[in-house]
Amino acid sequence: MIKTVNVTGRISEQSRPDIVRSSVLGLATYSCRFREIGRFKGVPAIFEIVHTVTEYYDGPRRGIAELHGGPHLFESEWRDNEDMDADTFLLMPIDAEVFSLALEDLAIWRRWETAFRQGNATQDTHPALPQDRQRHEELKPLLEGHLVVDPARSIRMKAEFRIRSDPEWSGYGLRPLEVRWEQAP
């Protein structure tokens, strides 16, 4: 019997000779998770968590996502008026402290976005609620310069993004995503 994971994250068992194995794995590193969806004819199909999307244009363009279980900045190589693949990205690892600060700032923004969508905040308070404004302003200089991809320290990957199930999602804003990275040619 082979365990597989469907889109909702539920595990089911089935007998498929072309799938080697599938399971949901929990990683202690940064309290993050990634899903091994399966192996079809020896090709890994791993989808990892996208933690933040700070730039979006016809798809995620910049943010923080897992690569092999560790947080990485990602930045799209796509540019207007250039003949480049829209699904190639530069990825650069970030340390645990920067990752933690980025997630704290994301939580502040998500609280604002939820309140705004519910009609409890105005656009002029963007990107933080009044009670979060001071901490947001403290985080800005701490993150400044740390959330920039350095091409010299990066690797080039192709990406496939898809929506993932997340019970903590408020239902407002960008849906939670996961990504499968593959080595770019």
C-alpha atoms as a PDB file:
ATOM      1  CA  MET A   1       0.000   0.000   0.000  1.00  0.00           C
ATOM      2  CA  ILE A   2       1.178   3.491  -0.852  1.00  0.00           C
ATOM      3  CA  LYS A   3       0.166   6.613   1.083  1.00  0.00           C
ATOM      4  CA  THR A   4      -0.626   9.640  -1.048  1.00  0.00           C
ATOM      5  CA  VAL A   5      -1.584  13.198  -0.188  1.00  0.00           C
ATOM      6  CA  ASN A   6      -4.466  14.901  -1.939  1.00  0.00           C
ATOM      7  CA  VAL A   7      -4.894  18.665  -2.430  1.00  0.00           C
ATOM      8  CA  THR A   8      -6.542  19.104   0.986  1.00  0.00           C
ATOM      9  CA  GLY A   9      -3.589  17.466   2.737  1.00  0.00           C
ATOM     10  CA  ARG A  10      -5.442  14.279   3.668  1.00  0.00           C
ATOM     11  CA  ILE A  11      -3.475  11.049   3.506  1.00  0.00           C
ATOM     12  CA  SER A  12      -5.004   8.139   1.645  1.00  0.00           C
ATOM     13  CA  GLU A  13      -3.665   4.713   0.826  1.00  0.00           C
ATOM     14  CA  GLN A  14      -3.662   3.182  -2.616  1.00  0.00           C
ATOM     15  CA  SER A  15      -1.777   0.581  -4.557  1.00  0.00           C
ATOM     16  CA  ARG A  16       0.144   2.142  -7.454  1.00  0.00           C
ATOM     17  CA  PRO A  17       3.308   0.464  -8.793  1.00  0.00           C
ATOM     18  CA  ASP A  18       4.441   3.670 -10.563  1.00  0.00           C
ATOM     19  CA  ILE A  19       4.591   5.670  -7.299  1.00  0.00           C
ATOM     20  CA  VAL A  20       7.493   4.811  -5.021  1.00  0.00           C
ATOM     21  CA  ARG A  21       6.239   6.507  -1.854  1.00  0.00           C
ATOM     22  CA  SER A  22       4.407   9.582  -0.589  1.00  0.00           C
ATOM     23  CA  SER A  23       4.054  10.985   2.901  1.00  0.00           C
ATOM     24  CA  VAL A  24       3.591  14.191   4.858  1.00  0.00           C
ATOM     25  CA  LEU A  25       6.755  15.141   6.702  1.00  0.00           C
ATOM     26  CA  GLY A  26       7.121  17.617   9.580  1.00  0.00           C
ATOM     27  CA  LEU A  27      10.436  19.420   9.895  1.00  0.00           C
ATOM     28  CA  ALA A  28      11.665  20.984  13.134  1.00  0.00           C
ATOM     29  CA  THR A  29      13.868  23.488  11.312  1.00  0.00           C
ATOM     30  CA  TYR A  30      12.127  26.852  11.560  1.00  0.00           C
ATOM     31  CA  SER A  31       8.909  24.973  12.454  1.00  0.00           C
ATOM     32  CA  CYS A  32       8.271  24.581   8.727  1.00  0.00           C
ATOM     33  CA  ARG A  33       6.710  21.786   6.762  1.00  0.00           C
ATOM     34  CA  PHE A  34       7.062  20.465   3.261  1.00  0.00           C
ATOM     35  CA  ARG A  35       5.102  17.815   1.422  1.00  0.00           C
ATOM     36  CA  GLU A  36       6.535  15.015  -0.591  1.00  0.00           C
ATOM     37  CA  ILE A  37       3.682  14.450  -2.997  1.00  0.00           C
ATOM     38  CA  GLY A  38       5.193  11.410  -4.643  1.00  0.00           C
ATOM     39  CA  ARG A  39       7.766  10.026  -6.989  1.00  0.00           C
ATOM     40  CA  PHE A  40       6.597   9.145 -10.466  1.00  0.00           C
ATOM     41  CA  LYS A  41       9.072   7.113 -12.488  1.00  0.00           C
ATOM     42  CA  GLY A  42      11.940   8.321 -10.302  1.00  0.00           C
ATOM     43  CA  VAL A  43      11.254  12.066 -10.652  1.00  0.00           C
ATOM     44  CA  PRO A  44      10.774  13.778  -7.270  1.00  0.00           C
ATOM     45  CA  ALA A  45       7.666  15.933  -6.900  1.00  0.00           C
ATOM     46  CA  ILE A  46       8.254  17.956  -3.748  1.00  0.00           C
ATOM     47  CA  PHE A  47       6.122  20.964  -2.925  1.00  0.00           C
ATOM     48  CA  GLU A  48       7.428  23.263  -0.221  1.00  0.00           C
ATOM     49  CA  ILE A  49       5.837  26.106   1.733  1.00  0.00           C
ATOM     50  CA  VAL A  50       5.779  29.655   0.368  1.00  0.00           C
ATOM     51  CA  HIS A  51       5.933  31.828   3.500  1.00  0.00           C
ATOM     52  CA  THR A  52       5.689  35.312   2.017  1.00  0.00           C
ATOM     53  CA  VAL A  53       4.933  36.893  -1.347  1.00  0.00           C
ATOM     54  CA  THR A  54       6.107  40.496  -1.348  1.00  0.00           C
ATOM     55  CA  GLU A  55       5.758  41.040  -5.077  1.00  0.00           C
ATOM     56  CA  TYR A  56       3.074  39.568  -7.314  1.00  0.00           C
ATOM     57  CA  TYR A  57       2.467  40.187 -11.007  1.00  0.00           C
ATOM     58  CA  ASP A  58       0.738  37.392 -12.924  1.00  0.00           C
ATOM     59  CA  GLY A  59       2.135  35.109 -10.223  1.00  0.00           C
ATOM     60  CA  PRO A  60       4.585  35.315  -7.333  1.00  0.00           C
ATOM     61  CA  ARG A  61       7.666  37.358  -8.223  1.00  0.00           C
ATOM     62  CA  ARG A  62       9.433  37.853  -4.869  1.00  0.00           C
ATOM     63  CA  GLY A  63       9.156  36.470  -1.344  1.00  0.00           C
ATOM     64  CA  ILE A  64      10.372  33.763   1.011  1.00  0.00           C
ATOM     65  CA  ALA A  65       9.862  30.044   0.412  1.00  0.00           C
ATOM     66  CA  GLU A  66      11.362  26.781   1.547  1.00  0.00           C
ATOM     67  CA  LEU A  67      14.018  25.018  -0.499  1.00  0.00           C
ATOM     68  CA  HIS A  68      15.102  21.643   0.893  1.00  0.00           C
ATOM     69  CA  GLY A  69      13.453  22.569   4.208  1.00  0.00           C
ATOM     70  CA  GLY A  70      15.257  25.899   4.734  1.00  0.00           C
ATOM     71  CA  PRO A  71      14.021  29.460   4.124  1.00  0.00           C
ATOM     72  CA  HIS A  72      15.207  31.173   0.949  1.00  0.00           C
ATOM     73  CA  LEU A  73      14.499  34.510  -0.649  1.00  0.00           C
ATOM     74  CA  PHE A  74      13.192  34.070  -4.151  1.00  0.00           C
ATOM     75  CA  GLU A  75      13.085  36.633  -6.930  1.00  0.00           C
ATOM     76  CA  SER A  76      11.713  36.182 -10.428  1.00  0.00           C
ATOM     77  CA  GLU A  77      14.068  36.755 -13.326  1.00  0.00           C
ATOM     78  CA  TRP A  78      11.122  37.858 -15.486  1.00  0.00           C
ATOM     79  CA  ARG A  79      11.227  41.468 -16.644  1.00  0.00           C
ATOM     80  CA  ASP A  80       8.899  43.481 -18.901  1.00  0.00           C
ATOM     81  CA  ASN A  81      10.036  43.678 -22.526  1.00  0.00           C
ATOM     82  CA  GLU A  82      12.598  40.909 -22.104  1.00  0.00           C
ATOM     83  CA  ASP A  83      12.421  37.447 -23.603  1.00  0.00           C
ATOM     84  CA  MET A  84      12.891  35.476 -20.375  1.00  0.00           C
ATOM     85  CA  ASP A  85      11.038  32.595 -18.824  1.00  0.00           C
ATOM     86  CA  ALA A  86       8.507  33.841 -16.292  1.00  0.00           C
ATOM     87  CA  ASP A  87       9.048  30.799 -14.101  1.00  0.00           C
ATOM     88  CA  THR A  88      12.798  31.085 -13.401  1.00  0.00           C
ATOM     89  CA  PHE A  89      13.918  32.488 -10.073  1.00  0.00           C
ATOM     90  CA  LEU A  90      17.056  33.314  -8.139  1.00  0.00           C
ATOM     91  CA  LEU A  91      17.052  31.751  -4.661  1.00  0.00           C
ATOM     92  CA  MET A  92      19.298  32.725  -1.762  1.00  0.00           C
ATOM     93  CA  PRO A  93      19.267  31.271   1.775  1.00  0.00           C
ATOM     94  CA  ILE A  94      18.428  33.543   4.713  1.00  0.00           C
ATOM     95  CA  ASP A  95      19.302  33.054   8.358  1.00  0.00           C
ATOM     96  CA  ALA A  96      16.846  32.160  11.111  1.00  0.00           C
ATOM     97  CA  GLU A  97      16.794  35.670  12.609  1.00  0.00           C
ATOM     98  CA  VAL A  98      15.920  37.412   9.332  1.00  0.00           C
ATOM     99  CA  PHE A  99      13.326  34.731   8.627  1.00  0.00           C
ATOM    100  CA  SER A 100      11.727  35.217  12.048  1.00  0.00           C
ATOM    101  CA  LEU A 101      11.613  39.009  11.648  1.00  0.00           C
ATOM    102  CA  ALA A 102      10.110  38.689   8.150  1.00  0.00           C
ATOM    103  CA  LEU A 103       7.384  36.374   9.471  1.00  0.00           C
ATOM    104  CA  GLU A 104       6.649  38.813  12.318  1.00  0.00           C
ATOM    105  CA  ASP A 105       6.269  41.658   9.807  1.00  0.00           C
ATOM    106  CA  LEU A 106       4.064  39.433   7.644  1.00  0.00           C
ATOM    107  CA  ALA A 107       1.800  38.718  10.643  1.00  0.00           C
ATOM    108  CA  ILE A 108       1.443  42.478  11.220  1.00  0.00           C
ATOM    109  CA  TRP A 109       0.493  42.999   7.590  1.00  0.00           C
ATOM    110  CA  ARG A 110      -1.975  40.077   7.624  1.00  0.00           C
ATOM    111  CA  ARG A 111      -3.741  41.531  10.673  1.00  0.00           C
ATOM    112  CA  TRP A 112      -4.041  44.840   8.824  1.00  0.00           C
ATOM    113  CA  GLU A 113      -5.258  43.155   5.623  1.00  0.00           C
ATOM    114  CA  THR A 114      -7.919  41.139   7.474  1.00  0.00           C
ATOM    115  CA  ALA A 115      -9.146  44.249   9.329  1.00  0.00           C
ATOM    116  CA  PHE A 116      -9.172  46.256   6.075  1.00  0.00           C
ATOM    117  CA  ARG A 117     -11.153  43.599   4.177  1.00  0.00           C
ATOM    118  CA  GLN A 118     -13.633  43.420   7.066  1.00  0.00           C
ATOM    119  CA  GLY A 119     -14.059  47.211   6.991  1.00  0.00           C
ATOM    120  CA  ASN A 120     -12.281  47.731  10.347  1.00  0.00           C
ATOM    121  CA  ALA A 121      -9.237  49.597   8.969  1.00  0.00           C
ATOM    122  CA  THR A 122      -8.721  52.262   6.329  1.00  0.00           C
ATOM    123  CA  GLN A 123      -6.200  52.453   3.483  1.00  0.00           C
ATOM    124  CA  ASP A 124      -4.367  55.322   5.215  1.00  0.00           C
ATOM    125  CA  THR A 125      -3.256  52.925   7.992  1.00  0.00           C
ATOM    126  CA  HIS A 126      -1.592  50.568   5.476  1.00  0.00           C
ATOM    127  CA  PRO A 127       0.440  48.349   6.113  1.00  0.00           C
ATOM    128  CA  ALA A 128      -0.079  48.092   9.890  1.00  0.00           C
ATOM    129  CA  LEU A 129      -2.893  48.589  12.359  1.00  0.00           C
ATOM    130  CA  PRO A 130      -2.316  51.467  14.812  1.00  0.00           C
ATOM    131  CA  GLN A 131      -1.437  49.041  17.636  1.00  0.00           C
ATOM    132  CA  ASP A 132       1.157  47.339  15.366  1.00  0.00           C
ATOM    133  CA  ARG A 133       2.585  50.501  13.762  1.00  0.00           C
ATOM    134  CA  GLN A 134       5.483  50.961  16.199  1.00  0.00           C
ATOM    135  CA  ARG A 135       6.693  47.372  15.875  1.00  0.00           C
ATOM    136  CA  HIS A 136       6.361  47.509  12.078  1.00  0.00           C
ATOM    137  CA  GLU A 137       8.518  50.650  12.042  1.00  0.00           C
ATOM    138  CA  GLU A 138      11.089  48.888  14.275  1.00  0.00           C
ATOM    139  CA  LEU A 139      11.201  45.911  11.908  1.00  0.00           C
ATOM    140  CA  LYS A 140      11.781  47.966   8.744  1.00  0.00           C
ATOM    141  CA  PRO A 141      15.428  48.893   9.469  1.00  0.00           C
ATOM    142  CA  LEU A 142      16.142  45.413  10.844  1.00  0.00           C
ATOM    143  CA  LEU A 143      15.008  43.863   7.557  1.00  0.00           C
ATOM    144  CA  GLU A 144      16.435  46.583   5.295  1.00  0.00           C
ATOM    145  CA  GLY A 145      19.074  45.092   3.029  1.00  0.00           C
ATOM    146  CA  HIS A 146      18.504  41.538   4.270  1.00  0.00           C
ATOM    147  CA  LEU A 147      15.610  40.829   1.913  1.00  0.00           C
ATOM    148  CA  VAL A 148      17.549  41.490  -1.283  1.00  0.00           C
ATOM    149  CA  VAL A 149      18.697  38.617  -3.470  1.00  0.00           C
ATOM    150  CA  ASP A 150      22.419  38.698  -4.220  1.00  0.00           C
ATOM    151  CA  PRO A 151      22.931  37.000  -7.610  1.00  0.00           C
ATOM    152  CA  ALA A 152      26.467  36.000  -6.621  1.00  0.00           C
ATOM    153  CA  ARG A 153      25.108  33.975  -3.662  1.00  0.00           C
ATOM    154  CA  SER A 154      22.035  32.606  -5.461  1.00  0.00           C
ATOM    155  CA  ILE A 155      21.026  29.574  -7.417  1.00  0.00           C
ATOM    156  CA  ARG A 156      18.736  29.614 -10.446  1.00  0.00           C
ATOM    157  CA  MET A 157      15.600  27.440 -10.293  1.00  0.00           C
ATOM    158  CA  LYS A 158      12.348  26.909 -12.179  1.00  0.00           C
ATOM    159  CA  ALA A 159       9.170  27.112 -10.107  1.00  0.00           C
ATOM    160  CA  GLU A 160       5.696  25.679 -10.164  1.00  0.00           C
ATOM    161  CA  PHE A 161       3.378  27.431  -7.691  1.00  0.00           C
ATOM    162  CA  ARG A 162       0.025  26.127  -6.562  1.00  0.00           C
ATOM    163  CA  ILE A 163      -2.560  26.872  -3.881  1.00  0.00           C
ATOM    164  CA  ARG A 164      -2.189  24.913  -0.643  1.00  0.00           C
ATOM    165  CA  SER A 165      -4.614  24.197   2.129  1.00  0.00           C
ATOM    166  CA  ASP A 166      -3.894  26.175   5.323  1.00  0.00           C
ATOM    167  CA  PRO A 167      -6.398  26.147   8.212  1.00  0.00           C
ATOM    168  CA  GLU A 168      -4.790  29.321   9.633  1.00  0.00           C
ATOM    169  CA  TRP A 169      -5.616  31.395   6.526  1.00  0.00           C
ATOM    170  CA  SER A 170      -8.170  34.120   7.319  1.00  0.00           C
ATOM    171  CA  GLY A 171      -9.824  33.881   3.913  1.00  0.00           C
ATOM    172  CA  TYR A 172      -8.591  37.368   2.954  1.00  0.00           C
ATOM    173  CA  GLY A 173      -5.823  38.292   0.558  1.00  0.00           C
ATOM    174  CA  LEU A 174      -3.483  36.015  -1.350  1.00  0.00           C
ATOM    175  CA  ARG A 175      -4.266  32.354  -0.809  1.00  0.00           C
ATOM    176  CA  PRO A 176      -1.512  30.260   0.799  1.00  0.00           C
ATOM    177  CA  LEU A 177       0.849  28.789  -1.769  1.00  0.00           C
ATOM    178  CA  GLU A 178       3.377  26.032  -2.122  1.00  0.00           C
ATOM    179  CA  VAL A 179       6.085  25.655  -4.726  1.00  0.00           C
ATOM    180  CA  ARG A 180       7.994  22.903  -6.458  1.00  0.00           C
ATOM    181  CA  TRP A 181      11.543  23.916  -7.378  1.00  0.00           C
ATOM    182  CA  GLU A 182      13.499  22.320 -10.208  1.00  0.00           C
ATOM    183  CA  GLN A 183      16.991  23.067 -11.433  1.00  0.00           C
ATOM    184  CA  ALA A 184      16.805  25.628 -14.240  1.00  0.00           C
ATOM    185  CA  PRO A 185      18.613  24.825 -17.483  1.00  0.00           C
END
